[in-house]
Amino acid sequence: MIAGGAGFVGSHLSRSLIGDGHAVVVVDDLSTGSRANIADLLDEPHFEFVHGDVADAPFRNVDVVAHLASPASPVDYDRIPVHTMRANSLGTFRLIDVAGRSGAAFLYVSTSEVYGDPLVHPQPEEYWGNVDPVGPRSCYDESKRFGEALVVAARREGGLRANIVRPFNTYGPSMRRDDGRVIPEMISAALDRRPLMIHGDGLQTRSFCYVSDLVAGLRCVLLDDAADGLIMNIGNPREITMLELAKRIVHVSAGDGELRHLEARPGDPERRRPVIKRMQARYGWVPRIQLTDGLRQTVAAFRASKPTPSNHVPRLDDGLPADAVGAA
């Protein structure tokens, strides 16, 4: 069962598993995912799509439950902050219950955002993070941190076999053009012959992992029958400034090259780079796709596709008791 399997990463993971003969059940409310991402899978005999909230995920007798069901872009979790927190709290409760009842392993796909604006660089899994609990990213950062704590507690108390992975910035085909993250934002601007917007001075850094590399890493943990209690970063440790990223995208897309600076985004981390020694030691996993090659593939996919905005926007009170709306 893949919660969030119609989203960007979830759809790539679903397609990879189906291609290897696994049966896959996807649960997704399409708040940030899209049917278009899984259109080629809908007629597969071993694929089932359940359109619904992860907090109400149906029981299925499965071997593994993977939780990817959360908005992952600042644009999205700014638009639907309560829904984001619900996915990582009530959704995690529900999926843990599904896993426990079916004797399945549980994989919680967390985020590098649990490290916040890090005071330790690069970021190892032992680092506790530097997170603002009431800042503009708190609905995502803190709900992911809560999800991790819940998984660990369920494992300790109830014997759940569970692992946590923390993906760093990921990109590739099937990202929405209105996703709001930096690579689709810049590629869309370049293809539309618009200026590429850079928040702040552009010297802040990120480490970008192509989606096929991330999926390969997720599969390592997902299909590891002996894995239990692991907490592992998955990402590309090659660091790049936003200015250099913009220049590469202009080069790859043959854009006009105009860069325009905006105010820095509140709470935007200055640096982000993973330590991946745990993944390397256990699985021999390392990212294979170089950034320029990944950008070429992503630009080609964007050229060939039509914009696919999300097709469901939950209201603030979706799935919440009536008396909870005012408090939220």
C-alpha atoms as a PDB file:
ATOM      1  CA  MET A   1       0.000   0.000   0.000  1.00  0.00           C
ATOM      2  CA  ILE A   2       1.393   3.367  -1.053  1.00  0.00           C
ATOM      3  CA  ALA A   3      -0.347   6.336   0.526  1.00  0.00           C
ATOM      4  CA  GLY A   4       0.185   9.326  -1.741  1.00  0.00           C
ATOM      5  CA  GLY A   5       0.877   7.062  -4.698  1.00  0.00           C
ATOM      6  CA  ALA A   6      -0.651   9.472  -7.231  1.00  0.00           C
ATOM      7  CA  GLY A   7       1.805  12.187  -6.283  1.00  0.00           C
ATOM      8  CA  PHE A   8       5.147  12.986  -7.843  1.00  0.00           C
ATOM      9  CA  VAL A   9       7.367  10.495  -5.999  1.00  0.00           C
ATOM     10  CA  GLY A  10       4.582   8.044  -5.181  1.00  0.00           C
ATOM     11  CA  SER A  11       3.623   7.538  -8.816  1.00  0.00           C
ATOM     12  CA  HIS A  12       7.229   6.799  -9.811  1.00  0.00           C
ATOM     13  CA  LEU A  13       7.528   4.327  -6.932  1.00  0.00           C
ATOM     14  CA  SER A  14       4.215   2.656  -7.858  1.00  0.00           C
ATOM     15  CA  ARG A  15       5.259   2.311 -11.500  1.00  0.00           C
ATOM     16  CA  SER A  16       8.614   0.818 -10.514  1.00  0.00           C
ATOM     17  CA  LEU A  17       7.005  -1.788  -8.252  1.00  0.00           C
ATOM     18  CA  ILE A  18       4.305  -2.719 -10.761  1.00  0.00           C
ATOM     19  CA  GLY A  19       7.008  -3.107 -13.395  1.00  0.00           C
ATOM     20  CA  ASP A  20       8.698  -5.715 -11.212  1.00  0.00           C
ATOM     21  CA  GLY A  21       5.519  -7.716 -10.722  1.00  0.00           C
ATOM     22  CA  HIS A  22       4.424  -6.455  -7.302  1.00  0.00           C
ATOM     23  CA  ALA A  23       0.779  -5.756  -6.493  1.00  0.00           C
ATOM     24  CA  VAL A  24       0.206  -2.145  -5.441  1.00  0.00           C
ATOM     25  CA  VAL A  25      -2.697  -0.402  -3.712  1.00  0.00           C
ATOM     26  CA  VAL A  26      -2.543   3.398  -3.950  1.00  0.00           C
ATOM     27  CA  VAL A  27      -4.515   5.630  -1.595  1.00  0.00           C
ATOM     28  CA  ASP A  28      -4.572   9.300  -2.570  1.00  0.00           C
ATOM     29  CA  ASP A  29      -7.055  12.168  -2.168  1.00  0.00           C
ATOM     30  CA  LEU A  30      -5.533  14.015  -5.168  1.00  0.00           C
ATOM     31  CA  SER A  31      -5.052  17.193  -3.132  1.00  0.00           C
ATOM     32  CA  THR A  32      -1.578  17.523  -4.642  1.00  0.00           C
ATOM     33  CA  GLY A  33      -1.382  14.373  -6.776  1.00  0.00           C
ATOM     34  CA  SER A  34      -3.112  13.683 -10.073  1.00  0.00           C
ATOM     35  CA  ARG A  35      -4.820  10.813 -11.866  1.00  0.00           C
ATOM     36  CA  ALA A  36      -2.650  11.708 -14.860  1.00  0.00           C
ATOM     37  CA  ASN A  37       0.396  10.527 -12.905  1.00  0.00           C
ATOM     38  CA  ILE A  38      -1.015   6.991 -12.664  1.00  0.00           C
ATOM     39  CA  ALA A  39      -3.164   6.869 -15.812  1.00  0.00           C
ATOM     40  CA  ASP A  40      -0.949   4.176 -17.344  1.00  0.00           C
ATOM     41  CA  LEU A  41      -1.370   1.985 -14.246  1.00  0.00           C
ATOM     42  CA  LEU A  42      -5.145   2.061 -13.840  1.00  0.00           C
ATOM     43  CA  ASP A  43      -5.757  -0.932 -16.120  1.00  0.00           C
ATOM     44  CA  GLU A  44      -2.947  -3.013 -14.654  1.00  0.00           C
ATOM     45  CA  PRO A  45      -4.372  -6.191 -13.083  1.00  0.00           C
ATOM     46  CA  HIS A  46      -2.259  -5.850  -9.934  1.00  0.00           C
ATOM     47  CA  PHE A  47      -2.912  -2.157  -9.368  1.00  0.00           C
ATOM     48  CA  GLU A  48      -5.728  -0.677  -7.288  1.00  0.00           C
ATOM     49  CA  PHE A  49      -6.449   3.024  -6.844  1.00  0.00           C
ATOM     50  CA  VAL A  50      -8.478   4.214  -3.842  1.00  0.00           C
ATOM     51  CA  HIS A  51      -9.500   7.876  -4.032  1.00  0.00           C
ATOM     52  CA  GLY A  52      -9.697   8.993  -0.447  1.00  0.00           C
ATOM     53  CA  ASP A  53      -8.144  10.662   2.557  1.00  0.00           C
ATOM     54  CA  VAL A  54      -5.188   8.805   4.019  1.00  0.00           C
ATOM     55  CA  ALA A  55      -6.739   9.225   7.477  1.00  0.00           C
ATOM     56  CA  ASP A  56      -9.559   6.974   6.239  1.00  0.00           C
ATOM     57  CA  ALA A  57      -7.370   4.531   4.312  1.00  0.00           C
ATOM     58  CA  PRO A  58      -9.190   1.213   3.834  1.00  0.00           C
ATOM     59  CA  PHE A  59      -7.818  -1.974   5.301  1.00  0.00           C
ATOM     60  CA  ARG A  60      -6.014  -4.233   2.860  1.00  0.00           C
ATOM     61  CA  ASN A  61      -3.993  -7.329   3.703  1.00  0.00           C
ATOM     62  CA  VAL A  62      -0.609  -6.111   2.461  1.00  0.00           C
ATOM     63  CA  ASP A  63       3.069  -6.854   3.108  1.00  0.00           C
ATOM     64  CA  VAL A  64       4.318  -3.265   3.298  1.00  0.00           C
ATOM     65  CA  VAL A  65       2.708   0.123   3.926  1.00  0.00           C
ATOM     66  CA  ALA A  66       4.569   3.198   2.642  1.00  0.00           C
ATOM     67  CA  HIS A  67       3.415   6.638   3.805  1.00  0.00           C
ATOM     68  CA  LEU A  68       4.123   9.374   1.241  1.00  0.00           C
ATOM     69  CA  ALA A  69       0.766  11.112   1.632  1.00  0.00           C
ATOM     70  CA  SER A  70       1.630  14.686   2.475  1.00  0.00           C
ATOM     71  CA  PRO A  71       1.908  17.947   0.576  1.00  0.00           C
ATOM     72  CA  ALA A  72       5.638  18.551   0.143  1.00  0.00           C
ATOM     73  CA  SER A  73       5.876  22.016  -1.398  1.00  0.00           C
ATOM     74  CA  PRO A  74       5.780  25.355   0.461  1.00  0.00           C
ATOM     75  CA  VAL A  75       3.095  26.523  -1.978  1.00  0.00           C
ATOM     76  CA  ASP A  76       0.911  23.546  -1.086  1.00  0.00           C
ATOM     77  CA  TYR A  77       1.362  23.450   2.656  1.00  0.00           C
ATOM     78  CA  ASP A  78       0.859  27.215   2.799  1.00  0.00           C
ATOM     79  CA  ARG A  79      -2.431  26.678   0.927  1.00  0.00           C
ATOM     80  CA  ILE A  80      -3.631  23.718   3.006  1.00  0.00           C
ATOM     81  CA  PRO A  81      -1.704  23.737   6.297  1.00  0.00           C
ATOM     82  CA  VAL A  82      -4.289  21.873   8.395  1.00  0.00           C
ATOM     83  CA  HIS A  83      -4.707  19.229   5.707  1.00  0.00           C
ATOM     84  CA  THR A  84      -0.918  18.817   5.684  1.00  0.00           C
ATOM     85  CA  MET A  85      -0.858  18.273   9.438  1.00  0.00           C
ATOM     86  CA  ARG A  86      -3.782  15.861   9.233  1.00  0.00           C
ATOM     87  CA  ALA A  87      -1.948  13.703   6.679  1.00  0.00           C
ATOM     88  CA  ASN A  88       1.106  13.376   8.910  1.00  0.00           C
ATOM     89  CA  SER A  89      -0.816  12.857  12.145  1.00  0.00           C
ATOM     90  CA  LEU A  90      -4.189  11.149  11.685  1.00  0.00           C
ATOM     91  CA  GLY A  91      -2.987   9.672   8.403  1.00  0.00           C
ATOM     92  CA  THR A  92       0.028   8.146  10.133  1.00  0.00           C
ATOM     93  CA  PHE A  93      -2.179   6.748  12.914  1.00  0.00           C
ATOM     94  CA  ARG A  94      -4.432   5.101  10.349  1.00  0.00           C
ATOM     95  CA  LEU A  95      -1.641   3.594   8.260  1.00  0.00           C
ATOM     96  CA  ILE A  96       0.101   2.241  11.349  1.00  0.00           C
ATOM     97  CA  ASP A  97      -3.197   0.538  12.209  1.00  0.00           C
ATOM     98  CA  VAL A  98      -3.446  -0.953   8.711  1.00  0.00           C
ATOM     99  CA  ALA A  99       0.139  -2.201   8.953  1.00  0.00           C
ATOM    100  CA  GLY A 100      -0.364  -3.623  12.428  1.00  0.00           C
ATOM    101  CA  ARG A 101      -3.576  -5.473  11.531  1.00  0.00           C
ATOM    102  CA  SER A 102      -2.036  -7.054   8.441  1.00  0.00           C
ATOM    103  CA  GLY A 103       1.373  -7.753   9.964  1.00  0.00           C
ATOM    104  CA  ALA A 104       2.976  -5.454   7.390  1.00  0.00           C
ATOM    105  CA  ALA A 105       6.214  -3.511   7.596  1.00  0.00           C
ATOM    106  CA  PHE A 106       5.775   0.260   7.742  1.00  0.00           C
ATOM    107  CA  LEU A 107       7.884   2.838   5.890  1.00  0.00           C
ATOM    108  CA  TYR A 108       7.440   6.463   6.897  1.00  0.00           C
ATOM    109  CA  VAL A 109       8.715   8.792   4.197  1.00  0.00           C
ATOM    110  CA  SER A 110       9.659  11.864   6.202  1.00  0.00           C
ATOM    111  CA  THR A 111      11.673  14.820   4.918  1.00  0.00           C
ATOM    112  CA  SER A 112      14.935  16.711   5.266  1.00  0.00           C
ATOM    113  CA  GLU A 113      12.757  19.539   6.601  1.00  0.00           C
ATOM    114  CA  VAL A 114      12.898  17.844  10.018  1.00  0.00           C
ATOM    115  CA  TYR A 115      16.377  19.410  10.238  1.00  0.00           C
ATOM    116  CA  GLY A 116      14.896  22.895   9.766  1.00  0.00           C
ATOM    117  CA  ASP A 117      17.461  25.624   9.157  1.00  0.00           C
ATOM    118  CA  PRO A 118      20.358  23.419  10.220  1.00  0.00           C
ATOM    119  CA  LEU A 119      23.135  24.517  12.546  1.00  0.00           C
ATOM    120  CA  VAL A 120      25.059  21.358  11.619  1.00  0.00           C
ATOM    121  CA  HIS A 121      26.296  20.921   8.051  1.00  0.00           C
ATOM    122  CA  PRO A 122      26.039  18.524   6.315  1.00  0.00           C
ATOM    123  CA  GLN A 123      23.131  16.862   8.110  1.00  0.00           C
ATOM    124  CA  PRO A 124      23.569  13.357   9.590  1.00  0.00           C
ATOM    125  CA  GLU A 125      20.608  11.365  10.877  1.00  0.00           C
ATOM    126  CA  GLU A 126      21.778  11.905  14.470  1.00  0.00           C
ATOM    127  CA  TYR A 127      21.181  15.669  14.188  1.00  0.00           C
ATOM    128  CA  TRP A 128      18.012  16.804  15.983  1.00  0.00           C
ATOM    129  CA  GLY A 129      17.401  19.861  13.842  1.00  0.00           C
ATOM    130  CA  ASN A 130      16.696  23.555  14.259  1.00  0.00           C
ATOM    131  CA  VAL A 131      12.969  24.004  13.587  1.00  0.00           C
ATOM    132  CA  ASP A 132      10.672  26.952  14.271  1.00  0.00           C
ATOM    133  CA  PRO A 133       7.507  25.354  15.747  1.00  0.00           C
ATOM    134  CA  VAL A 134       5.263  28.289  14.773  1.00  0.00           C
ATOM    135  CA  GLY A 135       6.968  29.556  11.613  1.00  0.00           C
ATOM    136  CA  PRO A 136       5.673  29.536   8.037  1.00  0.00           C
ATOM    137  CA  ARG A 137       6.912  25.956   7.463  1.00  0.00           C
ATOM    138  CA  SER A 138       5.850  24.588  10.833  1.00  0.00           C
ATOM    139  CA  CYS A 139       2.731  22.796   9.591  1.00  0.00           C
ATOM    140  CA  TYR A 140       4.961  20.580   7.468  1.00  0.00           C
ATOM    141  CA  ASP A 141       8.153  20.442   9.526  1.00  0.00           C
ATOM    142  CA  GLU A 142       6.497  19.749  12.839  1.00  0.00           C
ATOM    143  CA  SER A 143       3.885  17.333  11.533  1.00  0.00           C
ATOM    144  CA  LYS A 144       6.653  15.314   9.884  1.00  0.00           C
ATOM    145  CA  ARG A 145       8.575  15.345  13.158  1.00  0.00           C
ATOM    146  CA  PHE A 146       5.419  14.214  14.958  1.00  0.00           C
ATOM    147  CA  GLY A 147       4.961  11.451  12.388  1.00  0.00           C
ATOM    148  CA  GLU A 148       8.480  10.206  13.065  1.00  0.00           C
ATOM    149  CA  ALA A 149       7.872  10.252  16.831  1.00  0.00           C
ATOM    150  CA  LEU A 150       4.600   8.374  16.376  1.00  0.00           C
ATOM    151  CA  VAL A 151       6.241   5.670  14.265  1.00  0.00           C
ATOM    152  CA  VAL A 152       9.001   5.198  16.830  1.00  0.00           C
ATOM    153  CA  ALA A 153       6.452   5.032  19.680  1.00  0.00           C
ATOM    154  CA  ALA A 154       4.293   2.488  17.835  1.00  0.00           C
ATOM    155  CA  ARG A 155       7.359   0.359  17.174  1.00  0.00           C
ATOM    156  CA  ARG A 156       8.411   0.452  20.830  1.00  0.00           C
ATOM    157  CA  GLU A 157       4.960  -0.155  22.257  1.00  0.00           C
ATOM    158  CA  GLY A 158       3.293  -2.412  19.749  1.00  0.00           C
ATOM    159  CA  GLY A 159       6.075  -4.270  17.982  1.00  0.00           C
ATOM    160  CA  LEU A 160       5.482  -2.586  14.616  1.00  0.00           C
ATOM    161  CA  ARG A 161       8.302  -3.273  12.159  1.00  0.00           C
ATOM    162  CA  ALA A 162       8.984   0.212  10.931  1.00  0.00           C
ATOM    163  CA  ASN A 163      11.618   2.366   9.232  1.00  0.00           C
ATOM    164  CA  ILE A 164      11.967   6.081   8.547  1.00  0.00           C
ATOM    165  CA  VAL A 165      13.605   7.681   5.520  1.00  0.00           C
ATOM    166  CA  ARG A 166      14.334  11.379   5.091  1.00  0.00           C
ATOM    167  CA  PRO A 167      14.445  12.376   1.410  1.00  0.00           C
ATOM    168  CA  PHE A 168      16.262  15.561   0.462  1.00  0.00           C
ATOM    169  CA  ASN A 169      15.189  17.773  -2.452  1.00  0.00           C
ATOM    170  CA  THR A 170      13.978  15.579  -5.301  1.00  0.00           C
ATOM    171  CA  TYR A 171      13.055  16.516  -8.872  1.00  0.00           C
ATOM    172  CA  GLY A 172      12.105  14.942 -12.180  1.00  0.00           C
ATOM    173  CA  PRO A 173       9.222  14.245 -14.573  1.00  0.00           C
ATOM    174  CA  SER A 174       5.665  14.361 -13.192  1.00  0.00           C
ATOM    175  CA  MET A 175       6.297  17.377 -10.996  1.00  0.00           C
ATOM    176  CA  ARG A 176       3.497  19.894 -11.338  1.00  0.00           C
ATOM    177  CA  ARG A 177       4.392  23.149 -13.014  1.00  0.00           C
ATOM    178  CA  ASP A 178       2.574  24.980 -10.203  1.00  0.00           C
ATOM    179  CA  ASP A 179       4.355  22.882  -7.593  1.00  0.00           C
ATOM    180  CA  GLY A 180       6.202  25.924  -6.283  1.00  0.00           C
ATOM    181  CA  ARG A 181       9.512  24.165  -5.644  1.00  0.00           C
ATOM    182  CA  VAL A 182      12.522  25.724  -7.229  1.00  0.00           C
ATOM    183  CA  ILE A 183      13.254  23.371 -10.139  1.00  0.00           C
ATOM    184  CA  PRO A 184       9.737  23.205 -11.657  1.00  0.00           C
ATOM    185  CA  GLU A 185       9.333  26.916 -10.975  1.00  0.00           C
ATOM    186  CA  MET A 186      12.534  27.808 -12.821  1.00  0.00           C
ATOM    187  CA  ILE A 187      12.012  25.339 -15.676  1.00  0.00           C
ATOM    188  CA  SER A 188       8.481  26.610 -16.262  1.00  0.00           C
ATOM    189  CA  ALA A 189       9.760  30.180 -16.353  1.00  0.00           C
ATOM    190  CA  ALA A 190      12.571  29.294 -18.755  1.00  0.00           C
ATOM    191  CA  LEU A 191      10.244  27.423 -21.118  1.00  0.00           C
ATOM    192  CA  ASP A 192       7.751  30.300 -21.048  1.00  0.00           C
ATOM    193  CA  ARG A 193      10.547  32.824 -21.717  1.00  0.00           C
ATOM    194  CA  ARG A 194       9.905  34.509 -18.376  1.00  0.00           C
ATOM    195  CA  PRO A 195      12.587  35.725 -15.939  1.00  0.00           C
ATOM    196  CA  LEU A 196      13.782  33.108 -13.457  1.00  0.00           C
ATOM    197  CA  MET A 197      12.950  34.293  -9.967  1.00  0.00           C
ATOM    198  CA  ILE A 198      15.571  33.876  -7.258  1.00  0.00           C
ATOM    199  CA  HIS A 199      14.544  34.373  -3.646  1.00  0.00           C
ATOM    200  CA  GLY A 200      17.143  36.290  -1.673  1.00  0.00           C
ATOM    201  CA  ASP A 201      20.731  36.593  -2.854  1.00  0.00           C
ATOM    202  CA  GLY A 202      20.733  33.150  -4.474  1.00  0.00           C
ATOM    203  CA  LEU A 203      23.685  31.928  -2.441  1.00  0.00           C
ATOM    204  CA  GLN A 204      21.566  29.542  -0.383  1.00  0.00           C
ATOM    205  CA  THR A 205      22.288  25.927  -1.298  1.00  0.00           C
ATOM    206  CA  ARG A 206      20.389  22.713  -1.867  1.00  0.00           C
ATOM    207  CA  SER A 207      21.295  19.170  -2.898  1.00  0.00           C
ATOM    208  CA  PHE A 208      19.066  17.766  -5.649  1.00  0.00           C
ATOM    209  CA  CYS A 209      18.331  14.078  -6.166  1.00  0.00           C
ATOM    210  CA  TYR A 210      16.777  12.812  -9.413  1.00  0.00           C
ATOM    211  CA  VAL A 211      13.565  10.908  -8.785  1.00  0.00           C
ATOM    212  CA  SER A 212      14.799   7.562 -10.155  1.00  0.00           C
ATOM    213  CA  ASP A 213      17.657   7.638  -7.652  1.00  0.00           C
ATOM    214  CA  LEU A 214      15.254   8.378  -4.815  1.00  0.00           C
ATOM    215  CA  VAL A 215      12.944   5.552  -5.902  1.00  0.00           C
ATOM    216  CA  ALA A 216      15.895   3.158  -5.989  1.00  0.00           C
ATOM    217  CA  GLY A 217      16.729   4.172  -2.430  1.00  0.00           C
ATOM    218  CA  LEU A 218      13.132   3.826  -1.243  1.00  0.00           C
ATOM    219  CA  ARG A 219      12.953   0.365  -2.774  1.00  0.00           C
ATOM    220  CA  CYS A 220      16.094  -0.701  -0.928  1.00  0.00           C
ATOM    221  CA  VAL A 221      14.395  -0.043   2.401  1.00  0.00           C
ATOM    222  CA  LEU A 222      10.873  -1.001   1.322  1.00  0.00           C
ATOM    223  CA  LEU A 223      11.860  -4.474   0.123  1.00  0.00           C
ATOM    224  CA  ASP A 224      14.392  -5.205   2.878  1.00  0.00           C
ATOM    225  CA  ASP A 225      12.746  -7.940   4.958  1.00  0.00           C
ATOM    226  CA  ALA A 226      15.359  -7.546   7.703  1.00  0.00           C
ATOM    227  CA  ALA A 227      15.070  -3.762   8.020  1.00  0.00           C
ATOM    228  CA  ASP A 228      13.597  -2.546  11.304  1.00  0.00           C
ATOM    229  CA  GLY A 229      14.193   0.649  13.244  1.00  0.00           C
ATOM    230  CA  LEU A 230      16.245   2.296  10.500  1.00  0.00           C
ATOM    231  CA  ILE A 231      16.388   6.088  10.130  1.00  0.00           C
ATOM    232  CA  MET A 232      18.133   7.006   6.900  1.00  0.00           C
ATOM    233  CA  ASN A 233      18.781  10.055   4.738  1.00  0.00           C
ATOM    234  CA  ILE A 234      18.252   9.627   1.006  1.00  0.00           C
ATOM    235  CA  GLY A 235      19.573  12.370  -1.219  1.00  0.00           C
ATOM    236  CA  ASN A 236      22.365  13.619  -3.409  1.00  0.00           C
ATOM    237  CA  PRO A 237      25.236  15.123  -1.393  1.00  0.00           C
ATOM    238  CA  ARG A 238      26.368  17.400  -4.250  1.00  0.00           C
ATOM    239  CA  GLU A 239      25.533  20.939  -3.141  1.00  0.00           C
ATOM    240  CA  ILE A 240      24.676  23.839  -5.460  1.00  0.00           C
ATOM    241  CA  THR A 241      23.660  27.479  -5.025  1.00  0.00           C
ATOM    242  CA  MET A 242      20.387  28.744  -6.423  1.00  0.00           C
ATOM    243  CA  LEU A 243      22.273  31.096  -8.730  1.00  0.00           C
ATOM    244  CA  GLU A 244      24.220  28.218 -10.258  1.00  0.00           C
ATOM    245  CA  LEU A 245      21.052  26.137 -10.521  1.00  0.00           C
ATOM    246  CA  ALA A 246      19.317  28.944 -12.427  1.00  0.00           C
ATOM    247  CA  LYS A 247      22.243  29.208 -14.846  1.00  0.00           C
ATOM    248  CA  ARG A 248      22.177  25.461 -15.512  1.00  0.00           C
ATOM    249  CA  ILE A 249      18.442  25.495 -16.172  1.00  0.00           C
ATOM    250  CA  VAL A 250      18.826  28.402 -18.585  1.00  0.00           C
ATOM    251  CA  HIS A 251      21.565  26.490 -20.400  1.00  0.00           C
ATOM    252  CA  VAL A 252      19.641  23.200 -20.576  1.00  0.00           C
ATOM    253  CA  SER A 253      16.348  24.794 -21.624  1.00  0.00           C
ATOM    254  CA  ALA A 254      17.857  27.403 -23.973  1.00  0.00           C
ATOM    255  CA  GLY A 255      16.029  30.128 -22.081  1.00  0.00           C
ATOM    256  CA  ASP A 256      16.828  33.820 -22.391  1.00  0.00           C
ATOM    257  CA  GLY A 257      18.827  33.846 -19.172  1.00  0.00           C
ATOM    258  CA  GLU A 258      17.205  36.755 -17.324  1.00  0.00           C
ATOM    259  CA  LEU A 259      17.426  36.313 -13.545  1.00  0.00           C
ATOM    260  CA  ARG A 260      15.364  38.420 -11.176  1.00  0.00           C
ATOM    261  CA  HIS A 261      15.796  38.598  -7.399  1.00  0.00           C
ATOM    262  CA  LEU A 262      12.878  38.626  -4.973  1.00  0.00           C
ATOM    263  CA  GLU A 263      12.743  38.912  -1.195  1.00  0.00           C
ATOM    264  CA  ALA A 264      13.957  35.828   0.629  1.00  0.00           C
ATOM    265  CA  ARG A 265      11.238  33.393   1.663  1.00  0.00           C
ATOM    266  CA  PRO A 266      10.625  33.435   5.434  1.00  0.00           C
ATOM    267  CA  GLY A 267      12.141  30.408   7.116  1.00  0.00           C
ATOM    268  CA  ASP A 268      14.072  29.347   4.011  1.00  0.00           C
ATOM    269  CA  PRO A 269      17.097  27.277   5.150  1.00  0.00           C
ATOM    270  CA  GLU A 270      20.491  28.620   4.103  1.00  0.00           C
ATOM    271  CA  ARG A 271      22.146  25.253   3.446  1.00  0.00           C
ATOM    272  CA  ARG A 272      20.970  21.684   2.988  1.00  0.00           C
ATOM    273  CA  ARG A 273      23.087  18.616   2.227  1.00  0.00           C
ATOM    274  CA  PRO A 274      22.631  15.016   3.390  1.00  0.00           C
ATOM    275  CA  VAL A 275      25.069  12.611   4.937  1.00  0.00           C
ATOM    276  CA  ILE A 276      24.220   9.290   3.230  1.00  0.00           C
ATOM    277  CA  LYS A 277      26.704   6.936   4.906  1.00  0.00           C
ATOM    278  CA  ARG A 278      23.941   4.723   6.327  1.00  0.00           C
ATOM    279  CA  MET A 279      22.379   4.081   2.918  1.00  0.00           C
ATOM    280  CA  GLN A 280      25.802   3.462   1.422  1.00  0.00           C
ATOM    281  CA  ALA A 281      26.861   1.066   4.170  1.00  0.00           C
ATOM    282  CA  ARG A 282      23.695  -1.053   4.190  1.00  0.00           C
ATOM    283  CA  TYR A 283      22.728  -1.065   0.521  1.00  0.00           C
ATOM    284  CA  GLY A 284      25.619   0.349  -1.456  1.00  0.00           C
ATOM    285  CA  TRP A 285      23.177   3.024  -2.594  1.00  0.00           C
ATOM    286  CA  VAL A 286      24.512   6.195  -4.171  1.00  0.00           C
ATOM    287  CA  PRO A 287      22.778   8.627  -6.542  1.00  0.00           C
ATOM    288  CA  ARG A 288      23.638   7.906 -10.184  1.00  0.00           C
ATOM    289  CA  ILE A 289      22.075  10.748 -12.175  1.00  0.00           C
ATOM    290  CA  GLN A 290      24.134  13.914 -12.504  1.00  0.00           C
ATOM    291  CA  LEU A 291      22.222  17.174 -12.078  1.00  0.00           C
ATOM    292  CA  THR A 292      22.664  18.387 -15.669  1.00  0.00           C
ATOM    293  CA  ASP A 293      21.447  15.042 -17.059  1.00  0.00           C
ATOM    294  CA  GLY A 294      18.470  15.029 -14.694  1.00  0.00           C
ATOM    295  CA  LEU A 295      17.592  18.587 -15.634  1.00  0.00           C
ATOM    296  CA  ARG A 296      17.682  17.664 -19.336  1.00  0.00           C
ATOM    297  CA  GLN A 297      15.250  14.807 -18.733  1.00  0.00           C
ATOM    298  CA  THR A 298      12.991  16.998 -16.622  1.00  0.00           C
ATOM    299  CA  VAL A 299      12.970  19.826 -19.183  1.00  0.00           C
ATOM    300  CA  ALA A 300      12.128  17.327 -21.944  1.00  0.00           C
ATOM    301  CA  ALA A 301       9.234  15.974 -19.876  1.00  0.00           C
ATOM    302  CA  PHE A 302       7.945  19.480 -19.183  1.00  0.00           C
ATOM    303  CA  ARG A 303       8.096  20.343 -22.888  1.00  0.00           C
ATOM    304  CA  ALA A 304       6.103  17.226 -23.765  1.00  0.00           C
ATOM    305  CA  SER A 305       3.432  17.562 -21.105  1.00  0.00           C
ATOM    306  CA  LYS A 306       0.560  19.875 -20.400  1.00  0.00           C
ATOM    307  CA  PRO A 307       0.341  21.574 -17.004  1.00  0.00           C
ATOM    308  CA  THR A 308      -1.292  19.227 -14.480  1.00  0.00           C
ATOM    309  CA  PRO A 309      -2.470  21.248 -11.496  1.00  0.00           C
ATOM    310  CA  SER A 310      -3.899  19.399  -8.514  1.00  0.00           C
ATOM    311  CA  ASN A 311      -7.613  18.728  -8.915  1.00  0.00           C
ATOM    312  CA  HIS A 312      -8.867  18.774  -5.353  1.00  0.00           C
ATOM    313  CA  VAL A 313      -8.461  21.589  -2.841  1.00  0.00           C
ATOM    314  CA  PRO A 314      -9.617  20.519   0.622  1.00  0.00           C
ATOM    315  CA  ARG A 315     -11.428  23.089   2.722  1.00  0.00           C
ATOM    316  CA  LEU A 316      -9.967  23.959   6.110  1.00  0.00           C
ATOM    317  CA  ASP A 317     -12.585  21.814   7.812  1.00  0.00           C
ATOM    318  CA  ASP A 318     -12.276  18.729   5.572  1.00  0.00           C
ATOM    319  CA  GLY A 319     -12.452  15.767   7.876  1.00  0.00           C
ATOM    320  CA  LEU A 320     -12.322  17.857  11.069  1.00  0.00           C
ATOM    321  CA  PRO A 321     -15.014  18.104  13.724  1.00  0.00           C
ATOM    322  CA  ALA A 322     -17.110  21.259  13.366  1.00  0.00           C
ATOM    323  CA  ASP A 323     -15.857  22.655  16.678  1.00  0.00           C
ATOM    324  CA  ALA A 324     -12.227  22.240  15.592  1.00  0.00           C
ATOM    325  CA  VAL A 325     -12.326  24.806  12.799  1.00  0.00           C
ATOM    326  CA  GLY A 326     -12.208  27.901  14.960  1.00  0.00           C
ATOM    327  CA  ALA A 327      -9.320  26.544  16.993  1.00  0.00           C
ATOM    328  CA  ALA A 328      -7.395  25.668  13.848  1.00  0.00           C
END
